[in-house]
Amino acid sequence: MAKSMSTSLLDDLNDLISDESARVEYKHELALSAFTNDVARLMDEQKISQSELARRLGVSRARVSQLMRHKSSPTLRTMVAVGNALGCDVTPGVAPCGFRPARLFVAAGGKTVTGSDKESSVEQSDARAVSTN
């Protein structure tokens, strides 16, 4: 019975994602999750609280909390301001559907944000791509 239930759930998810507006919403949530996960990781690494991030941004802690809990959808300007407050660049990109880059995207003073499981280090702090091959 568990197998048929999981198959049914998988079928339901596939049906949901086959609808264009649902697919766009799903991808929006994935992108927002990737952004907030990166922000949370950077805040943890830099030992920055939501209150401190709010102070740097000139907004309330409640506003930062809403952003981190996906209660609001940030504009690109807000995302750039958050990145700047954390000493990072935000570099949105467009790729073919299903594309998984085999490159590393470098930001935050030479720390790497990976597009794959491989890691590399660089000496420059500017944002650039580094081949992992």
N, C-alpha and C. Protein backbone atom coordinates (compact mmCIF):
# COMPACT_ATOMS: atom_id res chain seq x y z
N MET A 1 0.81 -1.19 0.00
CA MET A 1 0.00 0.00 0.00
C MET A 1 0.87 1.26 0.00
N ALA A 2 1.97 1.22 0.73
CA ALA A 2 2.85 2.38 0.77
C ALA A 2 3.40 2.70 -0.61
N LYS A 3 3.66 1.63 -1.40
CA LYS A 3 4.19 1.86 -2.73
C LYS A 3 3.16 2.57 -3.61
N SER A 4 1.91 2.14 -3.55
CA SER A 4 0.89 2.79 -4.37
C SER A 4 0.65 4.22 -3.89
N MET A 5 0.77 4.46 -2.58
CA MET A 5 0.59 5.81 -2.06
C MET A 5 1.71 6.72 -2.57
N SER A 6 2.96 6.22 -2.55
CA SER A 6 4.07 7.06 -3.01
C SER A 6 3.99 7.25 -4.52
N THR A 7 3.54 6.24 -5.25
CA THR A 7 3.37 6.39 -6.69
C THR A 7 2.29 7.41 -6.97
N SER A 8 1.21 7.38 -6.21
CA SER A 8 0.14 8.35 -6.37
C SER A 8 0.63 9.76 -6.07
N LEU A 9 1.41 9.92 -5.03
CA LEU A 9 1.96 11.22 -4.68
C LEU A 9 2.87 11.72 -5.79
N LEU A 10 3.71 10.84 -6.31
CA LEU A 10 4.60 11.21 -7.41
C LEU A 10 3.79 11.62 -8.63
N ASP A 11 2.74 10.88 -8.94
CA ASP A 11 1.87 11.25 -10.07
C ASP A 11 1.24 12.62 -9.84
N ASP A 12 0.78 12.87 -8.60
CA ASP A 12 0.18 14.17 -8.27
C ASP A 12 1.19 15.30 -8.44
N LEU A 13 2.42 15.08 -7.99
CA LEU A 13 3.46 16.10 -8.15
C LEU A 13 3.77 16.36 -9.61
N ASN A 14 3.87 15.29 -10.39
CA ASN A 14 4.12 15.45 -11.83
C ASN A 14 2.99 16.21 -12.51
N ASP A 15 1.74 15.91 -12.12
CA ASP A 15 0.60 16.63 -12.68
C ASP A 15 0.66 18.11 -12.31
N LEU A 16 1.00 18.38 -11.07
CA LEU A 16 1.10 19.75 -10.60
C LEU A 16 2.15 20.52 -11.40
N ILE A 17 3.29 19.92 -11.60
CA ILE A 17 4.39 20.60 -12.26
C ILE A 17 4.17 20.67 -13.76
N SER A 18 3.30 19.83 -14.30
CA SER A 18 3.04 19.91 -15.73
C SER A 18 2.18 21.13 -16.07
N ASP A 19 1.50 21.70 -15.09
CA ASP A 19 0.74 22.93 -15.29
C ASP A 19 1.73 24.11 -15.31
N GLU A 20 1.67 24.93 -16.34
CA GLU A 20 2.66 26.01 -16.54
C GLU A 20 2.73 26.98 -15.36
N SER A 21 1.61 27.44 -14.86
CA SER A 21 1.65 28.40 -13.75
C SER A 21 2.19 27.75 -12.49
N ALA A 22 1.88 26.49 -12.27
CA ALA A 22 2.42 25.78 -11.11
C ALA A 22 3.92 25.57 -11.26
N ARG A 23 4.37 25.31 -12.48
CA ARG A 23 5.81 25.11 -12.72
C ARG A 23 6.57 26.41 -12.43
N VAL A 24 6.00 27.53 -12.85
CA VAL A 24 6.64 28.82 -12.58
C VAL A 24 6.68 29.08 -11.07
N GLU A 25 5.60 28.81 -10.39
CA GLU A 25 5.56 29.00 -8.93
C GLU A 25 6.57 28.09 -8.24
N TYR A 26 6.65 26.85 -8.67
CA TYR A 26 7.61 25.90 -8.11
C TYR A 26 9.05 26.38 -8.30
N LYS A 27 9.37 26.84 -9.51
CA LYS A 27 10.72 27.32 -9.78
C LYS A 27 11.02 28.60 -9.01
N HIS A 28 10.00 29.44 -8.84
CA HIS A 28 10.16 30.65 -8.02
C HIS A 28 10.53 30.27 -6.59
N GLU A 29 9.81 29.31 -6.03
CA GLU A 29 10.09 28.86 -4.66
C GLU A 29 11.48 28.23 -4.56
N LEU A 30 11.88 27.46 -5.57
CA LEU A 30 13.23 26.89 -5.55
C LEU A 30 14.30 27.97 -5.56
N ALA A 31 14.13 28.99 -6.40
CA ALA A 31 15.10 30.08 -6.47
C ALA A 31 15.13 30.85 -5.15
N LEU A 32 13.97 31.13 -4.59
CA LEU A 32 13.90 31.84 -3.32
C LEU A 32 14.54 31.02 -2.20
N SER A 33 14.29 29.71 -2.21
CA SER A 33 14.91 28.83 -1.21
C SER A 33 16.42 28.82 -1.35
N ALA A 34 16.92 28.76 -2.58
CA ALA A 34 18.37 28.78 -2.79
C ALA A 34 18.96 30.07 -2.24
N PHE A 35 18.30 31.20 -2.51
CA PHE A 35 18.78 32.48 -2.01
C PHE A 35 18.78 32.52 -0.49
N THR A 36 17.66 32.17 0.13
CA THR A 36 17.58 32.26 1.59
C THR A 36 18.50 31.23 2.26
N ASN A 37 18.71 30.08 1.64
CA ASN A 37 19.66 29.10 2.20
C ASN A 37 21.07 29.66 2.17
N ASP A 38 21.43 30.34 1.06
CA ASP A 38 22.75 30.97 0.98
C ASP A 38 22.89 32.06 2.03
N VAL A 39 21.85 32.87 2.19
CA VAL A 39 21.89 33.95 3.19
C VAL A 39 22.05 33.36 4.59
N ALA A 40 21.27 32.32 4.90
CA ALA A 40 21.37 31.69 6.23
C ALA A 40 22.76 31.11 6.46
N ARG A 41 23.33 30.48 5.43
CA ARG A 41 24.68 29.92 5.56
C ARG A 41 25.71 31.01 5.81
N LEU A 42 25.61 32.10 5.04
CA LEU A 42 26.55 33.21 5.21
C LEU A 42 26.39 33.87 6.58
N MET A 43 25.15 34.03 7.03
CA MET A 43 24.92 34.62 8.35
C MET A 43 25.54 33.74 9.43
N ASP A 44 25.39 32.43 9.28
CA ASP A 44 25.97 31.49 10.25
C ASP A 44 27.50 31.56 10.22
N GLU A 45 28.08 31.53 9.02
CA GLU A 45 29.54 31.59 8.89
C GLU A 45 30.11 32.88 9.47
N GLN A 46 29.38 33.98 9.27
CA GLN A 46 29.86 35.28 9.73
C GLN A 46 29.36 35.63 11.13
N LYS A 47 28.58 34.71 11.71
CA LYS A 47 28.00 34.90 13.04
C LYS A 47 27.21 36.22 13.12
N ILE A 48 26.33 36.40 12.13
CA ILE A 48 25.48 37.58 12.04
C ILE A 48 24.05 37.16 12.36
N SER A 49 23.43 37.84 13.30
CA SER A 49 22.05 37.57 13.68
C SER A 49 21.10 38.28 12.72
N GLN A 50 19.82 37.90 12.76
CA GLN A 50 18.82 38.59 11.97
C GLN A 50 18.74 40.06 12.37
N SER A 51 18.91 40.33 13.67
CA SER A 51 18.89 41.72 14.14
C SER A 51 20.03 42.52 13.53
N GLU A 52 21.22 41.92 13.47
CA GLU A 52 22.37 42.61 12.89
C GLU A 52 22.17 42.82 11.40
N LEU A 53 21.66 41.81 10.70
CA LEU A 53 21.40 41.98 9.27
C LEU A 53 20.38 43.08 9.05
N ALA A 54 19.34 43.11 9.87
CA ALA A 54 18.32 44.15 9.77
C ALA A 54 18.94 45.54 9.97
N ARG A 55 19.84 45.67 10.94
CA ARG A 55 20.51 46.94 11.21
C ARG A 55 21.30 47.37 9.98
N ARG A 56 22.04 46.42 9.39
CA ARG A 56 22.84 46.73 8.20
C ARG A 56 21.98 47.15 7.01
N LEU A 57 20.78 46.58 6.93
CA LEU A 57 19.88 46.88 5.82
C LEU A 57 19.01 48.11 6.08
N GLY A 58 18.93 48.52 7.35
CA GLY A 58 18.05 49.64 7.70
C GLY A 58 16.59 49.27 7.70
N VAL A 59 16.31 48.01 8.06
CA VAL A 59 14.92 47.52 8.14
C VAL A 59 14.70 46.88 9.50
N SER A 60 13.47 46.49 9.79
CA SER A 60 13.18 45.84 11.07
C SER A 60 13.64 44.38 11.04
N ARG A 61 13.85 43.81 12.22
CA ARG A 61 14.18 42.40 12.32
C ARG A 61 13.03 41.56 11.80
N ALA A 62 11.80 42.03 12.02
CA ALA A 62 10.62 41.32 11.53
C ALA A 62 10.66 41.20 10.00
N ARG A 63 11.14 42.25 9.32
CA ARG A 63 11.23 42.21 7.86
C ARG A 63 12.23 41.15 7.40
N VAL A 64 13.37 41.07 8.10
CA VAL A 64 14.36 40.04 7.77
C VAL A 64 13.78 38.65 8.03
N SER A 65 13.06 38.51 9.14
CA SER A 65 12.43 37.24 9.47
C SER A 65 11.43 36.83 8.39
N GLN A 66 10.63 37.77 7.90
CA GLN A 66 9.68 37.48 6.82
C GLN A 66 10.41 36.98 5.57
N LEU A 67 11.50 37.64 5.25
CA LEU A 67 12.29 37.24 4.09
C LEU A 67 12.82 35.82 4.25
N MET A 68 13.37 35.53 5.43
CA MET A 68 13.98 34.22 5.66
C MET A 68 12.94 33.10 5.73
N ARG A 69 11.70 33.43 6.07
CA ARG A 69 10.63 32.42 6.16
C ARG A 69 9.75 32.39 4.92
N HIS A 70 10.17 33.09 3.86
CA HIS A 70 9.44 33.13 2.58
C HIS A 70 8.05 33.72 2.74
N LYS A 71 7.89 34.63 3.68
CA LYS A 71 6.59 35.30 3.86
C LYS A 71 6.45 36.49 2.92
N SER A 72 7.51 36.83 2.26
CA SER A 72 7.48 37.88 1.24
C SER A 72 8.47 37.49 0.15
N SER A 73 8.24 38.03 -1.02
CA SER A 73 9.11 37.73 -2.14
C SER A 73 10.00 38.95 -2.40
N PRO A 74 11.31 38.81 -2.17
CA PRO A 74 12.17 39.97 -2.31
C PRO A 74 12.36 40.39 -3.77
N THR A 75 12.50 41.68 -3.97
CA THR A 75 12.85 42.18 -5.30
C THR A 75 14.33 41.89 -5.53
N LEU A 76 14.77 42.01 -6.76
CA LEU A 76 16.19 41.85 -7.06
C LEU A 76 16.99 42.90 -6.30
N ARG A 77 16.46 44.11 -6.19
CA ARG A 77 17.13 45.18 -5.44
C ARG A 77 17.34 44.76 -3.98
N THR A 78 16.32 44.16 -3.37
CA THR A 78 16.44 43.69 -1.98
C THR A 78 17.48 42.59 -1.88
N MET A 79 17.48 41.66 -2.83
CA MET A 79 18.45 40.58 -2.81
C MET A 79 19.88 41.12 -2.92
N VAL A 80 20.08 42.11 -3.78
CA VAL A 80 21.40 42.73 -3.92
C VAL A 80 21.79 43.43 -2.63
N ALA A 81 20.85 44.13 -1.99
CA ALA A 81 21.13 44.81 -0.72
C ALA A 81 21.53 43.80 0.36
N VAL A 82 20.84 42.67 0.42
CA VAL A 82 21.17 41.62 1.39
C VAL A 82 22.56 41.08 1.11
N GLY A 83 22.84 40.77 -0.14
CA GLY A 83 24.17 40.28 -0.51
C GLY A 83 25.24 41.28 -0.13
N ASN A 84 25.01 42.55 -0.43
CA ASN A 84 25.96 43.60 -0.10
C ASN A 84 26.18 43.68 1.42
N ALA A 85 25.11 43.57 2.20
CA ALA A 85 25.22 43.62 3.65
C ALA A 85 26.05 42.45 4.20
N LEU A 86 26.12 41.37 3.44
CA LEU A 86 26.89 40.20 3.84
C LEU A 86 28.25 40.14 3.15
N GLY A 87 28.59 41.19 2.42
CA GLY A 87 29.89 41.24 1.73
C GLY A 87 29.95 40.35 0.51
N CYS A 88 28.81 40.15 -0.14
CA CYS A 88 28.73 39.25 -1.30
C CYS A 88 28.04 39.94 -2.47
N ASP A 89 28.20 39.37 -3.64
CA ASP A 89 27.47 39.79 -4.82
C ASP A 89 26.34 38.81 -5.09
N VAL A 90 25.25 39.32 -5.64
CA VAL A 90 24.15 38.46 -6.11
C VAL A 90 24.24 38.49 -7.62
N THR A 91 24.35 37.31 -8.21
CA THR A 91 24.51 37.22 -9.66
C THR A 91 23.47 36.27 -10.24
N PRO A 92 22.28 36.80 -10.57
CA PRO A 92 21.25 35.93 -11.15
C PRO A 92 21.67 35.47 -12.53
N GLY A 93 21.20 34.32 -12.91
CA GLY A 93 21.54 33.78 -14.22
C GLY A 93 20.38 33.01 -14.82
N VAL A 94 20.47 32.73 -16.08
CA VAL A 94 19.44 31.97 -16.78
C VAL A 94 20.14 30.79 -17.45
N ALA A 95 19.54 29.61 -17.34
CA ALA A 95 20.12 28.41 -17.94
C ALA A 95 18.99 27.56 -18.53
N PRO A 96 19.29 26.72 -19.50
CA PRO A 96 18.27 25.82 -20.05
C PRO A 96 17.65 24.97 -18.94
N CYS A 97 16.38 24.65 -19.07
CA CYS A 97 15.70 23.83 -18.07
C CYS A 97 16.44 22.52 -17.87
N GLY A 98 16.62 22.14 -16.61
CA GLY A 98 17.31 20.90 -16.28
C GLY A 98 18.81 21.01 -16.29
N PHE A 99 19.36 22.17 -16.65
CA PHE A 99 20.80 22.36 -16.74
C PHE A 99 21.42 22.39 -15.35
N ARG A 100 22.49 21.63 -15.17
CA ARG A 100 23.27 21.63 -13.92
C ARG A 100 24.69 22.01 -14.28
N PRO A 101 25.11 23.23 -13.92
CA PRO A 101 26.44 23.67 -14.35
C PRO A 101 27.56 22.83 -13.76
N ALA A 102 28.60 22.61 -14.57
CA ALA A 102 29.79 21.88 -14.12
C ALA A 102 30.88 22.89 -13.77
N ARG A 103 30.45 24.04 -13.25
CA ARG A 103 31.39 25.11 -12.90
C ARG A 103 31.09 25.59 -11.49
N LEU A 104 32.06 26.23 -10.91
CA LEU A 104 31.90 26.84 -9.61
C LEU A 104 31.71 28.34 -9.79
N PHE A 105 30.82 28.91 -9.04
CA PHE A 105 30.63 30.35 -9.09
C PHE A 105 31.21 30.93 -7.81
N VAL A 106 32.15 31.83 -7.96
CA VAL A 106 32.93 32.34 -6.85
C VAL A 106 32.43 33.71 -6.45
N ALA A 107 32.23 33.89 -5.16
CA ALA A 107 31.83 35.18 -4.60
C ALA A 107 32.28 35.23 -3.16
N ALA A 108 32.00 36.27 -2.48
CA ALA A 108 32.27 36.40 -1.05
C ALA A 108 33.74 36.23 -0.71
N GLY A 109 34.58 37.03 -1.30
CA GLY A 109 35.99 37.03 -0.92
C GLY A 109 36.73 35.75 -1.19
N GLY A 110 36.43 35.08 -2.29
CA GLY A 110 37.17 33.88 -2.65
C GLY A 110 36.54 32.59 -2.17
N LYS A 111 35.44 32.67 -1.40
CA LYS A 111 34.72 31.45 -1.01
C LYS A 111 33.94 30.97 -2.22
N THR A 112 33.78 29.68 -2.33
CA THR A 112 33.11 29.16 -3.51
C THR A 112 31.68 28.78 -3.20
N VAL A 113 30.81 29.01 -4.16
CA VAL A 113 29.44 28.53 -4.14
C VAL A 113 29.38 27.57 -5.30
N THR A 114 29.12 26.31 -5.02
CA THR A 114 29.29 25.31 -6.06
C THR A 114 28.04 25.08 -6.88
N GLY A 115 28.28 24.71 -8.14
CA GLY A 115 27.23 24.25 -9.02
C GLY A 115 27.30 22.74 -9.14
N SER A 116 28.26 22.13 -8.45
CA SER A 116 28.41 20.68 -8.42
C SER A 116 28.98 20.29 -7.07
N ASP A 117 29.31 19.04 -6.88
CA ASP A 117 29.86 18.58 -5.62
C ASP A 117 31.35 18.87 -5.48
N LYS A 118 32.00 19.27 -6.56
CA LYS A 118 33.43 19.55 -6.51
C LYS A 118 33.66 20.93 -5.91
N GLU A 119 34.80 21.12 -5.25
CA GLU A 119 35.12 22.42 -4.68
C GLU A 119 36.48 22.85 -5.15
N SER A 120 36.69 24.13 -5.19
CA SER A 120 37.94 24.71 -5.60
C SER A 120 38.15 25.99 -4.81
N SER A 121 39.35 26.52 -4.79
CA SER A 121 39.56 27.81 -4.15
C SER A 121 40.24 28.73 -5.15
N VAL A 122 40.04 30.02 -4.93
CA VAL A 122 40.66 31.02 -5.78
C VAL A 122 41.24 32.10 -4.91
N GLU A 123 42.13 32.88 -5.49
CA GLU A 123 42.76 33.94 -4.73
C GLU A 123 42.03 35.26 -4.88
N GLN A 124 41.31 35.47 -5.97
CA GLN A 124 40.63 36.73 -6.17
C GLN A 124 39.28 36.72 -5.50
N SER A 125 38.83 37.91 -5.07
CA SER A 125 37.54 38.00 -4.38
C SER A 125 36.42 38.43 -5.30
N ASP A 126 36.70 38.76 -6.56
CA ASP A 126 35.65 39.16 -7.46
C ASP A 126 34.86 37.94 -7.92
N ALA A 127 33.60 38.16 -8.30
CA ALA A 127 32.76 37.06 -8.74
C ALA A 127 33.19 36.62 -10.13
N ARG A 128 33.45 35.34 -10.32
CA ARG A 128 33.80 34.79 -11.61
C ARG A 128 33.58 33.30 -11.58
N ALA A 129 33.52 32.69 -12.74
CA ALA A 129 33.32 31.24 -12.82
C ALA A 129 34.66 30.55 -12.99
N VAL A 130 34.79 29.38 -12.37
CA VAL A 130 36.02 28.60 -12.45
C VAL A 130 35.65 27.20 -12.92
N SER A 131 36.32 26.71 -13.94
CA SER A 131 36.04 25.38 -14.46
C SER A 131 36.46 24.34 -13.43
N THR A 132 35.65 23.28 -13.28
CA THR A 132 35.99 22.20 -12.34
C THR A 132 36.55 21.00 -13.06
N ASN A 133 36.76 21.11 -14.37
CA ASN A 133 37.28 19.97 -15.14
C ASN A 133 38.78 19.84 -14.99
